Amino acid sequence: MEKFEFENGETLENVEVEYLIKGTPKFDDCENITNLVVFCHGYEGNCLSLNELHSFTSDGMPFDFNKYLILSIASLGFPNSCCPSSTGLGNNFPEYNFKDKVNFKKQFIKEKLGNDNVLGVLGVGMGGYEVYTWACEYPDDMKFNIVGGSSYKTAGYRYVMIKGIKNIIENNANFNSECYDESFSNTMISVYQVIFSMYFSQKIFQEMSNDEIDVFMDQFVEKSYSIDIHDFKFQYDVLLDYNIEDKLANIKSDVLVFIPENNLYFSSKDDIENLNSLIKNCQTEVLDFKRNKFNEMDFNHVMSILYAFLKKFE
């Protein structure tokens, strides 16, 4: 995009946007796409995370590419879209919030596809924060929202974890250096060891031996080797004060929320307990995905819920 303006008034020019679009577009009489669904990836993902949804997008599945056009955009602040590392700005990158992340996607959709509205927006994890924000700030933009394993605010255990991670990064004596320091890699290893504590449910952790935990932790921490510390810091800064609970009443779309049972980071109780009273048309589902240490999950029950929810928008 030629230019993107942040909520704080700062602007960047020649903004790169990484995206993946798959499916079959359908048009109304004014040539607007009527079946566009936007997918918002989680903090470990990027636009290619759409490929991981093949169980949901193959023929006959709820988001069959023959029925929908699905757009996945690497979120603002993530490589290889506009972020501290790709722009070379590092700590000088403009501070952003979740409304900026939404506006980034909205502007791209308007400029490249010509659409002001979409059929639906769905997201997982950190992407779910974008879905909630989009539905609250622009309630007329879509007909449905689907959120998986996410929340509308940072509080309690999440707040403690995010603040602790933020302090680990900022306590690196070289963090404000103009050059990328080798110590940043060690800091990111420590950060990912902390994040790993949220990766499995308490039940799965208890079933694993310490040797098994070491193996899976080492595999998880390897992901940190390719993470730029500035990209990560900005992503976590935007989480720290995130709370749109007072705006949920703005939502006009139908909302479906999945929360995994026994999750350490998102609570099946605290993160959906009040949603039905806060959002007019909201369906909440607490599910046991039967996830194991090999990350295998059973989505059969989810499929039936999605079919029923999406039927009204066909």
Protein backbone atom coordinates (compact mmCIF):
# COMPACT_ATOMS: atom_id res chain seq x y z
CA MET A 1 0.00 0.00 0.00
CA GLU A 2 1.26 3.48 -0.78
CA LYS A 3 0.72 4.75 2.76
CA PHE A 4 -0.71 3.61 6.08
CA GLU A 5 -1.67 5.99 8.88
CA PHE A 6 -1.66 4.78 12.49
CA GLU A 7 -4.19 5.81 15.13
CA ASN A 8 -1.52 8.01 16.77
CA GLY A 9 -1.09 10.00 13.53
CA GLU A 10 2.24 8.50 12.44
CA THR A 11 2.45 7.27 8.86
CA LEU A 12 4.55 4.82 6.87
CA GLU A 13 4.90 4.83 3.10
CA ASN A 14 5.36 1.95 0.63
CA VAL A 15 3.88 -0.51 3.10
CA GLU A 16 4.40 -4.16 2.26
CA VAL A 17 1.54 -6.59 2.89
CA GLU A 18 1.94 -10.36 2.76
CA TYR A 19 -1.29 -12.20 2.03
CA LEU A 20 -2.78 -15.45 0.80
CA ILE A 21 -6.19 -15.66 -0.84
CA LYS A 22 -7.97 -18.86 -1.77
CA GLY A 23 -11.45 -19.82 -2.87
CA THR A 24 -14.19 -18.86 -5.27
CA PRO A 25 -15.49 -15.27 -5.33
CA LYS A 26 -19.19 -14.54 -5.74
CA PHE A 27 -20.44 -11.11 -6.76
CA ASP A 28 -23.55 -8.99 -6.38
CA ASP A 29 -24.99 -6.69 -9.08
CA CYS A 30 -22.52 -3.95 -8.09
CA GLU A 31 -19.52 -6.29 -8.50
CA ASN A 32 -18.89 -6.44 -4.75
CA ILE A 33 -17.62 -9.78 -3.44
CA THR A 34 -20.36 -11.28 -1.28
CA ASN A 35 -18.62 -14.34 0.19
CA LEU A 36 -15.33 -12.87 1.44
CA VAL A 37 -14.16 -14.24 4.79
CA VAL A 38 -11.06 -12.86 6.52
CA PHE A 39 -8.89 -15.16 8.63
CA CYS A 40 -6.76 -13.61 11.41
CA HIS A 41 -3.83 -15.79 12.44
CA GLY A 42 -2.40 -16.32 15.92
CA TYR A 43 0.90 -15.07 17.33
CA GLU A 44 2.90 -18.00 15.95
CA GLY A 45 1.35 -17.66 12.50
CA ASN A 46 1.35 -15.59 9.35
CA CYS A 47 -0.77 -15.41 6.22
CA LEU A 48 0.21 -18.99 5.33
CA SER A 49 -1.59 -20.20 8.47
CA LEU A 50 -4.63 -20.44 6.22
CA ASN A 51 -3.07 -23.60 4.77
CA GLU A 52 -3.27 -25.21 8.22
CA LEU A 53 -7.08 -25.03 8.04
CA HIS A 54 -7.30 -27.65 5.29
CA SER A 55 -9.55 -29.80 7.51
CA PHE A 56 -12.09 -26.97 7.43
CA THR A 57 -11.65 -25.73 3.84
CA SER A 58 -11.57 -28.91 1.73
CA ASP A 59 -14.55 -30.06 -0.34
CA GLY A 60 -17.71 -30.45 1.71
CA MET A 61 -16.21 -28.89 4.84
CA PRO A 62 -17.65 -25.80 6.60
CA PHE A 63 -15.37 -23.32 4.78
CA ASP A 64 -15.24 -25.17 1.47
CA PHE A 65 -13.20 -23.05 -0.99
CA ASN A 66 -15.93 -23.69 -3.55
CA LYS A 67 -18.33 -21.69 -1.35
CA TYR A 68 -16.10 -19.02 0.15
CA LEU A 69 -13.27 -16.69 -0.79
CA ILE A 70 -10.93 -16.63 2.21
CA LEU A 71 -8.29 -13.95 2.70
CA SER A 72 -5.42 -14.32 5.16
CA ILE A 73 -3.20 -11.27 5.75
CA ALA A 74 0.01 -11.29 7.78
CA SER A 75 -0.98 -8.94 10.58
CA LEU A 76 0.50 -5.50 11.10
CA GLY A 77 3.66 -5.97 13.17
CA PHE A 78 4.41 -9.45 11.80
CA PRO A 79 6.94 -10.44 9.16
CA ASN A 80 6.60 -10.32 6.21
CA SER A 81 4.08 -7.52 6.39
CA CYS A 82 4.84 -4.10 7.81
CA CYS A 83 6.81 -4.59 11.05
CA PRO A 84 9.89 -3.31 12.93
CA SER A 85 12.26 -5.80 11.29
CA SER A 86 11.03 -5.58 7.69
CA THR A 87 11.05 -1.76 7.73
CA GLY A 88 14.43 -1.59 9.50
CA LEU A 89 12.93 0.78 12.08
CA GLY A 90 13.43 -1.49 15.10
CA ASN A 91 12.45 0.37 18.26
CA ASN A 92 11.52 3.41 16.16
CA PHE A 93 8.57 1.63 14.57
CA PRO A 94 5.28 3.45 15.33
CA GLU A 95 3.41 2.19 18.37
CA TYR A 96 0.23 0.43 17.29
CA ASN A 97 -2.89 -1.07 18.82
CA PHE A 98 -5.45 -3.63 17.73
CA LYS A 99 -7.54 -1.03 15.93
CA ASP A 100 -4.47 -0.29 13.81
CA LYS A 101 -4.21 -4.01 13.03
CA VAL A 102 -7.84 -4.02 11.90
CA ASN A 103 -7.46 -0.81 9.88
CA PHE A 104 -4.41 -2.32 8.17
CA LYS A 105 -6.54 -5.21 6.90
CA LYS A 106 -9.54 -3.03 6.07
CA GLN A 107 -7.45 -0.64 3.99
CA PHE A 108 -5.85 -3.50 2.07
CA ILE A 109 -9.27 -5.07 1.35
CA LYS A 110 -10.68 -1.73 0.16
CA GLU A 111 -7.72 -0.89 -2.05
CA LYS A 112 -7.07 -4.31 -3.56
CA LEU A 113 -10.53 -5.95 -3.63
CA GLY A 114 -12.78 -2.90 -3.65
CA ASN A 115 -14.90 -4.17 -0.74
CA ASP A 116 -16.05 -2.09 2.22
CA ASN A 117 -17.67 -5.08 3.90
CA VAL A 118 -16.91 -8.77 4.35
CA LEU A 119 -19.18 -11.71 5.03
CA GLY A 120 -17.30 -12.78 8.13
CA VAL A 121 -14.11 -12.52 10.15
CA LEU A 122 -12.61 -15.43 12.05
CA GLY A 123 -9.49 -15.68 14.17
CA VAL A 124 -7.60 -17.78 16.67
CA GLY A 125 -5.47 -16.77 19.65
CA MET A 126 -4.08 -13.29 19.09
CA GLY A 127 -6.09 -13.19 15.87
CA GLY A 128 -9.21 -13.48 18.00
CA TYR A 129 -8.34 -10.14 19.60
CA GLU A 130 -8.48 -8.62 16.12
CA VAL A 131 -11.86 -10.24 15.47
CA TYR A 132 -13.35 -8.82 18.66
CA THR A 133 -11.86 -5.39 17.91
CA TRP A 134 -13.13 -5.38 14.32
CA ALA A 135 -16.65 -6.37 15.38
CA CYS A 136 -16.72 -3.69 18.10
CA GLU A 137 -15.19 -0.81 16.14
CA TYR A 138 -16.92 -1.51 12.81
CA PRO A 139 -20.09 -3.43 13.69
CA ASP A 140 -21.67 -2.97 10.23
CA ASP A 141 -18.71 -4.50 8.38
CA MET A 142 -19.66 -8.18 8.65
CA LYS A 143 -22.47 -10.65 9.27
CA PHE A 144 -20.60 -13.12 11.48
CA ASN A 145 -17.53 -13.54 13.62
CA ILE A 146 -15.89 -16.74 14.82
CA VAL A 147 -13.31 -16.70 17.62
CA GLY A 148 -11.25 -19.67 18.75
CA GLY A 149 -9.15 -19.79 21.93
CA SER A 150 -9.02 -16.07 22.60
CA SER A 151 -10.43 -13.29 24.76
CA TYR A 152 -11.67 -9.70 24.77
CA LYS A 153 -9.27 -8.50 27.48
CA THR A 154 -5.90 -9.08 29.12
CA ALA A 155 -6.41 -9.85 32.79
CA GLY A 156 -5.35 -12.16 35.60
CA TYR A 157 -2.88 -14.89 34.63
CA ARG A 158 -2.44 -13.51 31.11
CA TYR A 159 -1.58 -10.06 32.44
CA VAL A 160 1.07 -11.50 34.76
CA MET A 161 2.61 -13.55 31.95
CA ILE A 162 2.64 -10.72 29.41
CA LYS A 163 4.07 -8.19 31.88
CA GLY A 164 6.75 -10.67 32.95
CA ILE A 165 7.76 -11.33 29.33
CA LYS A 166 7.84 -7.59 28.61
CA ASN A 167 10.18 -7.07 31.59
CA ILE A 168 12.50 -9.90 30.47
CA ILE A 169 12.95 -8.16 27.11
CA GLU A 170 13.34 -4.64 28.47
CA ASN A 171 15.85 -5.78 31.11
CA ASN A 172 18.29 -6.71 28.38
CA ALA A 173 20.93 -4.02 28.84
CA ASN A 174 21.44 -3.75 25.08
CA PHE A 175 17.77 -3.56 24.11
CA ASN A 176 17.91 0.09 23.05
CA SER A 177 21.07 -0.42 21.02
CA GLU A 178 20.92 0.64 17.38
CA CYS A 179 22.55 -2.64 16.33
CA TYR A 180 20.98 -6.07 16.68
CA ASP A 181 22.92 -7.64 19.54
CA GLU A 182 23.69 -11.36 20.02
CA SER A 183 22.24 -11.16 23.52
CA PHE A 184 18.81 -10.64 21.94
CA SER A 185 18.81 -14.26 20.81
CA ASN A 186 19.47 -15.45 24.38
CA THR A 187 16.68 -13.21 25.65
CA MET A 188 14.26 -14.67 23.11
CA ILE A 189 15.21 -18.21 24.19
CA SER A 190 14.28 -17.28 27.79
CA VAL A 191 11.03 -15.71 26.59
CA TYR A 192 10.03 -18.80 24.63
CA GLN A 193 10.79 -21.04 27.61
CA VAL A 194 8.24 -19.00 29.56
CA ILE A 195 5.70 -19.13 26.72
CA PHE A 196 6.07 -22.89 26.54
CA SER A 197 4.47 -23.09 29.99
CA MET A 198 1.20 -22.06 28.29
CA TYR A 199 1.49 -24.40 25.31
CA PHE A 200 -0.19 -27.52 26.70
CA SER A 201 -3.00 -27.99 29.17
CA GLN A 202 -2.14 -28.78 32.78
CA LYS A 203 -3.45 -32.30 32.21
CA ILE A 204 -1.06 -32.99 29.33
CA PHE A 205 1.91 -31.53 31.21
CA GLN A 206 1.16 -33.77 34.19
CA GLU A 207 1.03 -36.83 31.93
CA MET A 208 4.49 -36.13 30.50
CA SER A 209 7.80 -37.11 32.11
CA ASN A 210 10.38 -34.40 32.71
CA ASP A 211 12.51 -35.87 29.91
CA GLU A 212 9.57 -35.57 27.53
CA ILE A 213 8.95 -31.99 28.62
CA ASP A 214 12.61 -31.18 27.91
CA VAL A 215 12.33 -32.59 24.38
CA PHE A 216 9.14 -30.70 23.55
CA MET A 217 10.44 -27.51 25.17
CA ASP A 218 13.65 -27.62 23.11
CA GLN A 219 11.60 -28.09 19.95
CA PHE A 220 9.35 -25.18 20.87
CA VAL A 221 12.25 -22.88 21.79
CA GLU A 222 13.83 -23.47 18.37
CA LYS A 223 11.10 -21.21 16.98
CA SER A 224 12.65 -18.29 18.83
CA TYR A 225 15.81 -18.46 16.69
CA SER A 226 14.03 -16.77 13.79
CA ILE A 227 12.06 -14.20 15.85
CA ASP A 228 13.17 -10.57 15.80
CA ILE A 229 13.09 -9.20 19.35
CA HIS A 230 11.61 -5.86 18.24
CA ASP A 231 8.79 -7.53 16.31
CA PHE A 232 8.02 -9.64 19.35
CA LYS A 233 8.20 -6.76 21.83
CA PHE A 234 5.74 -4.62 19.85
CA GLN A 235 3.36 -7.59 19.51
CA TYR A 236 3.34 -8.12 23.28
CA ASP A 237 3.14 -4.40 24.11
CA VAL A 238 -0.19 -4.20 22.29
CA LEU A 239 -1.52 -7.07 24.43
CA LEU A 240 -0.69 -5.61 27.82
CA ASP A 241 -3.50 -3.03 28.06
CA TYR A 242 -5.96 -4.77 25.74
CA ASN A 243 -9.52 -4.57 27.07
CA ILE A 244 -12.62 -3.93 24.96
CA GLU A 245 -15.18 -5.35 27.37
CA ASP A 246 -17.04 -2.01 27.45
CA LYS A 247 -17.40 -2.08 23.63
CA LEU A 248 -18.78 -5.60 23.19
CA ALA A 249 -22.34 -4.24 23.26
CA ASN A 250 -21.56 -2.52 19.93
CA ILE A 251 -21.40 -5.88 18.12
CA LYS A 252 -24.25 -6.46 15.67
CA SER A 253 -23.01 -9.61 13.95
CA ASP A 254 -23.66 -13.18 15.02
CA VAL A 255 -20.72 -14.43 17.09
CA LEU A 256 -19.50 -17.97 17.72
CA VAL A 257 -16.79 -18.44 20.36
CA PHE A 258 -14.82 -21.63 20.99
CA ILE A 259 -12.79 -22.02 24.16
CA PRO A 260 -10.70 -25.16 24.70
CA GLU A 261 -11.26 -26.99 27.95
CA ASN A 262 -8.37 -27.11 30.45
CA ASN A 263 -6.38 -24.41 28.63
CA LEU A 264 -3.86 -22.62 30.86
CA TYR A 265 -3.86 -19.33 28.96
CA PHE A 266 -7.51 -18.88 27.96
CA SER A 267 -10.01 -19.85 30.61
CA SER A 268 -13.11 -21.85 29.70
CA LYS A 269 -14.80 -20.03 32.58
CA ASP A 270 -13.45 -16.48 32.74
CA ASP A 271 -13.21 -15.76 29.01
CA ILE A 272 -16.77 -16.72 28.06
CA GLU A 273 -18.69 -16.54 31.34
CA ASN A 274 -20.28 -13.15 30.62
CA LEU A 275 -20.23 -13.14 26.82
CA ASN A 276 -23.88 -14.04 26.33
CA SER A 277 -24.91 -11.02 28.40
CA LEU A 278 -22.35 -8.71 26.75
CA ILE A 279 -22.96 -9.66 23.09
CA LYS A 280 -26.51 -9.80 21.74
CA ASN A 281 -26.19 -12.77 19.36
CA CYS A 282 -23.43 -14.89 20.86
CA GLN A 283 -22.99 -18.67 20.96
CA THR A 284 -20.27 -20.02 23.24
CA GLU A 285 -18.82 -23.50 23.17
CA VAL A 286 -16.39 -25.07 25.66
CA LEU A 287 -14.78 -28.01 23.90
CA ASP A 288 -12.38 -30.78 24.70
CA PHE A 289 -10.32 -30.96 21.51
CA LYS A 290 -8.67 -34.09 22.89
CA ARG A 291 -5.32 -32.55 22.10
CA ASN A 292 -2.29 -34.66 23.04
CA LYS A 293 1.42 -33.96 23.36
CA PHE A 294 1.82 -34.57 19.62
CA ASN A 295 -0.62 -31.73 18.93
CA GLU A 296 -3.17 -34.05 17.36
CA MET A 297 -6.73 -32.82 17.81
CA ASP A 298 -10.20 -34.15 17.09
CA PHE A 299 -12.31 -31.47 15.38
CA ASN A 300 -15.35 -33.63 14.60
CA HIS A 301 -17.60 -31.93 17.13
CA VAL A 302 -16.42 -28.49 15.96
CA MET A 303 -17.46 -29.32 12.39
CA SER A 304 -21.08 -29.95 13.32
CA ILE A 305 -21.23 -26.68 15.28
CA LEU A 306 -19.75 -24.72 12.36
CA TYR A 307 -22.16 -26.25 9.84
CA ALA A 308 -25.13 -25.23 11.96
CA PHE A 309 -23.80 -21.72 12.63
CA LEU A 310 -22.88 -20.94 8.99
CA LYS A 311 -26.10 -22.29 7.48
CA LYS A 312 -27.94 -19.01 8.17
CA PHE A 313 -25.45 -17.09 6.00
CA GLU A 314 -25.65 -19.27 2.89
